[in-house]
Amino acid sequence: MYALHITFTSAVPAEALYDGAVDFAEALRSVPGFVAKTWLVDRSHHGGFYLFTDRAAAEAYRDGPLVAGLREHPAFADVEVRGWDVEESLGALTNAVPA
């Protein structure tokens, strides 16, 4: 497994972004190798932890149209993407990785 941590800022309130986020979630579900996303929000900071089956799937997502759309969206700024190897055996103990 491989994880991405993607964050960005927005002056638009989270409530106003909700409908677009639902559409984004629907599109995300069809990404090859996608496993799960934990959604994060703290006032003007948004993002998530994304889990993929492997690094190649995560990098394809990172370089694909959904992340490009985040980077190009006029309401979003400061987009940051970081990748992480996942320690699966410990993650399974804490329900963070499918067993």
Foldseek 3Di string as FASTA:
>chain_A
DKKKWKKWFFQDFPVVCVVVVVVLVVVQVPQPFWDDWDWDDDGGMTTTMTDGPDDVSVVCVCPDDSVVCQPPDPRIHDIDMDMDDDPPVVCVVVVNHDD
